[in-house]
C-alpha atoms as a PDB file:
ATOM      1  CA  MET A   1     102.996  82.001  56.539  1.00  0.00           C
ATOM      2  CA  ILE A   2     102.267  83.708  59.851  1.00  0.00           C
ATOM      3  CA  SER A   3     105.082  86.242  59.555  1.00  0.00           C
ATOM      4  CA  ASP A   4     103.353  87.583  56.436  1.00  0.00           C
ATOM      5  CA  LEU A   5     100.391  88.712  58.534  1.00  0.00           C
ATOM      6  CA  ILE A   6     100.785  92.402  59.274  1.00  0.00           C
ATOM      7  CA  VAL A   7      98.884  92.119  62.575  1.00  0.00           C
ATOM      8  CA  PHE A   8     101.305  89.402  63.705  1.00  0.00           C
ATOM      9  CA  GLN A   9     104.325  91.519  62.786  1.00  0.00           C
ATOM     10  CA  LYS A  10     102.964  94.628  64.520  1.00  0.00           C
ATOM     11  CA  THR A  11     102.215  92.621  67.674  1.00  0.00           C
ATOM     12  CA  TYR A  12     105.665  91.022  67.532  1.00  0.00           C
ATOM     13  CA  ASP A  13     107.248  94.472  67.221  1.00  0.00           C
ATOM     14  CA  PHE A  14     105.176  95.645  70.187  1.00  0.00           C
ATOM     15  CA  LEU A  15     106.468  92.699  72.233  1.00  0.00           C
ATOM     16  CA  LEU A  16     110.038  93.654  71.282  1.00  0.00           C
ATOM     17  CA  TRP A  17     109.327  97.083  72.776  1.00  0.00           C
ATOM     18  CA  VAL A  18     107.511  95.738  75.866  1.00  0.00           C
ATOM     19  CA  LYS A  19     110.320  93.450  77.079  1.00  0.00           C
ATOM     20  CA  PRO A  20     113.033  96.090  77.690  1.00  0.00           C
ATOM     21  CA  THR A  21     110.458  98.651  78.803  1.00  0.00           C
ATOM     22  CA  VAL A  22     109.158  96.358  81.541  1.00  0.00           C
ATOM     23  CA  GLN A  23     112.728  95.676  82.681  1.00  0.00           C
ATOM     24  CA  ARG A  24     112.935  99.354  83.662  1.00  0.00           C
ATOM     25  CA  PHE A  25     109.797  99.193  85.821  1.00  0.00           C
ATOM     26  CA  ALA A  26     110.239  99.536  89.567  1.00  0.00           C
ATOM     27  CA  LYS A  27     110.785  96.125  91.157  1.00  0.00           C
ATOM     28  CA  VAL A  28     107.375  96.157  92.834  1.00  0.00           C
ATOM     29  CA  HIS A  29     105.680  96.487  89.417  1.00  0.00           C
ATOM     30  CA  LYS A  30     108.145  94.586  87.230  1.00  0.00           C
ATOM     31  CA  TYR A  31     107.070  91.187  88.539  1.00  0.00           C
ATOM     32  CA  SER A  32     103.367  91.935  88.695  1.00  0.00           C
ATOM     33  CA  LEU A  33     102.070  94.453  86.169  1.00  0.00           C
ATOM     34  CA  GLY A  34     105.122  94.107  83.929  1.00  0.00           C
ATOM     35  CA  ALA A  35     104.977  90.317  83.892  1.00  0.00           C
ATOM     36  CA  GLU A  36     101.247  90.391  83.139  1.00  0.00           C
ATOM     37  CA  LEU A  37     101.771  92.865  80.299  1.00  0.00           C
ATOM     38  CA  GLU A  38     104.409  90.610  78.755  1.00  0.00           C
ATOM     39  CA  ARG A  39     102.265  87.504  79.279  1.00  0.00           C
ATOM     40  CA  GLU A  40      99.196  89.065  77.652  1.00  0.00           C
ATOM     41  CA  THR A  41     101.247  90.264  74.683  1.00  0.00           C
ATOM     42  CA  VAL A  42     102.702  86.788  74.159  1.00  0.00           C
ATOM     43  CA  GLN A  43      99.200  85.339  74.527  1.00  0.00           C
ATOM     44  CA  LEU A  44      97.925  87.749  71.871  1.00  0.00           C
ATOM     45  CA  LEU A  45     100.640  86.479  69.513  1.00  0.00           C
ATOM     46  CA  ARG A  46      99.541  82.901  70.249  1.00  0.00           C
ATOM     47  CA  GLN A  47      95.906  83.776  69.579  1.00  0.00           C
ATOM     48  CA  ILE A  48      96.833  85.392  66.259  1.00  0.00           C
ATOM     49  CA  ILE A  49      98.751  82.253  65.263  1.00  0.00           C
ATOM     50  CA  ARG A  50      95.795  80.055  66.242  1.00  0.00           C
ATOM     51  CA  ALA A  51      93.329  82.230  64.370  1.00  0.00           C
ATOM     52  CA  ASN A  52      95.510  82.122  61.291  1.00  0.00           C
ATOM     53  CA  MET A  53      95.865  78.328  61.399  1.00  0.00           C
ATOM     54  CA  TYR A  54      92.182  77.470  61.696  1.00  0.00           C
ATOM     55  CA  LYS A  55      90.176  77.167  58.508  1.00  0.00           C
ATOM     56  CA  THR A  56      86.827  77.123  60.309  1.00  0.00           C
ATOM     57  CA  GLU A  57      85.677  79.309  63.172  1.00  0.00           C
ATOM     58  CA  LYS A  58      88.243  81.910  62.130  1.00  0.00           C
ATOM     59  CA  ARG A  59      85.970  84.790  63.126  1.00  0.00           C
ATOM     60  CA  GLU A  60      85.550  83.359  66.642  1.00  0.00           C
ATOM     61  CA  ARG A  61      89.309  82.852  66.979  1.00  0.00           C
ATOM     62  CA  ILE A  62      89.985  86.426  65.914  1.00  0.00           C
ATOM     63  CA  ALA A  63      87.361  87.629  68.409  1.00  0.00           C
ATOM     64  CA  GLU A  64      89.340  85.860  71.159  1.00  0.00           C
ATOM     65  CA  CYS A  65      92.314  88.054  70.243  1.00  0.00           C
ATOM     66  CA  PHE A  66      90.339  91.105  71.306  1.00  0.00           C
ATOM     67  CA  VAL A  67      90.241  89.934  74.944  1.00  0.00           C
ATOM     68  CA  ASN A  68      94.040  89.928  75.100  1.00  0.00           C
ATOM     69  CA  TYR A  69      94.201  93.171  73.143  1.00  0.00           C
ATOM     70  CA  GLU A  70      91.853  95.009  75.530  1.00  0.00           C
ATOM     71  CA  THR A  71      93.711  93.608  78.550  1.00  0.00           C
ATOM     72  CA  ILE A  72      97.015  94.861  77.145  1.00  0.00           C
ATOM     73  CA  LYS A  73      95.500  98.323  76.692  1.00  0.00           C
ATOM     74  CA  ILE A  74      94.421  98.346  80.340  1.00  0.00           C
ATOM     75  CA  PHE A  75      97.876  97.251  81.534  1.00  0.00           C
ATOM     76  CA  VAL A  76      99.550  99.969  79.461  1.00  0.00           C
ATOM     77  CA  ARG A  77      97.173 102.546  80.892  1.00  0.00           C
ATOM     78  CA  LEU A  78      97.969 101.316  84.409  1.00  0.00           C
ATOM     79  CA  GLY A  79     101.653 101.675  83.568  1.00  0.00           C
ATOM     80  CA  LYS A  80     101.038 105.301  82.679  1.00  0.00           C
ATOM     81  CA  ASP A  81      98.896 105.948  85.756  1.00  0.00           C
ATOM     82  CA  TYR A  82     101.528 104.392  88.042  1.00  0.00           C
ATOM     83  CA  LYS A  83     104.080 106.630  86.304  1.00  0.00           C
ATOM     84  CA  LEU A  84     106.046 103.602  85.072  1.00  0.00           C
ATOM     85  CA  LEU A  85     105.761 104.815  81.489  1.00  0.00           C
ATOM     86  CA  SER A  86     106.787 108.271  80.365  1.00  0.00           C
ATOM     87  CA  GLY A  87     104.473 110.351  78.215  1.00  0.00           C
ATOM     88  CA  LYS A  88     106.459 109.414  75.111  1.00  0.00           C
ATOM     89  CA  GLN A  89     106.415 105.711  75.992  1.00  0.00           C
ATOM     90  CA  TYR A  90     102.678 105.809  76.591  1.00  0.00           C
ATOM     91  CA  GLU A  91     102.114 107.676  73.333  1.00  0.00           C
ATOM     92  CA  PHE A  92     104.233 105.128  71.439  1.00  0.00           C
ATOM     93  CA  ALA A  93     102.344 102.223  73.019  1.00  0.00           C
ATOM     94  CA  ALA A  94      98.969 103.838  72.323  1.00  0.00           C
ATOM     95  CA  VAL A  95      99.815 104.383  68.642  1.00  0.00           C
ATOM     96  CA  GLN A  96     101.063 100.804  68.285  1.00  0.00           C
ATOM     97  CA  LEU A  97      98.037  99.352  70.056  1.00  0.00           C
ATOM     98  CA  ASN A  98      95.667 101.487  68.020  1.00  0.00           C
ATOM     99  CA  GLU A  99      97.177 100.087  64.832  1.00  0.00           C
ATOM    100  CA  ILE A 100      97.026  96.512  66.135  1.00  0.00           C
ATOM    101  CA  GLY A 101      93.366  97.037  67.043  1.00  0.00           C
ATOM    102  CA  ARG A 102      92.612  98.461  63.625  1.00  0.00           C
ATOM    103  CA  LEU A 103      94.294  95.483  61.935  1.00  0.00           C
ATOM    104  CA  LEU A 104      92.456  92.993  64.149  1.00  0.00           C
ATOM    105  CA  GLY A 105      89.181  94.726  63.359  1.00  0.00           C
ATOM    106  CA  GLY A 106      89.835  94.590  59.629  1.00  0.00           C
ATOM    107  CA  TRP A 107      90.795  90.933  59.854  1.00  0.00           C
ATOM    108  CA  TYR A 108      87.645  90.194  61.867  1.00  0.00           C
ATOM    109  CA  LYS A 109      85.400  91.939  59.322  1.00  0.00           C
ATOM    110  CA  LYS A 110      87.003  89.943  56.527  1.00  0.00           C
ATOM    111  CA  PHE A 111      85.439  86.751  57.913  1.00  0.00           C
END
């Protein structure tokens, strides 16, 4: 079951944090950077589900997750640089993303 995957749960939890955080972005960024950050996070969840479902080419599917993961990291960094995220918010996001990256890497090495 997908909800048993720790990387899925951590990404889901990150999405739960992203949604209300983006709602507090300035209007000019909420519908651009904020929307892209949400979209990439949802896409990462989709990629994790796909990777988990496939019996073959699992390693390639997991590798596709890294594109979304790296994009999310860039969007979070932009959020910090645009001063949309406080230091604490950025630190929280960085810790969460670091853990997601570590879990994706471990999953990738497994196959």
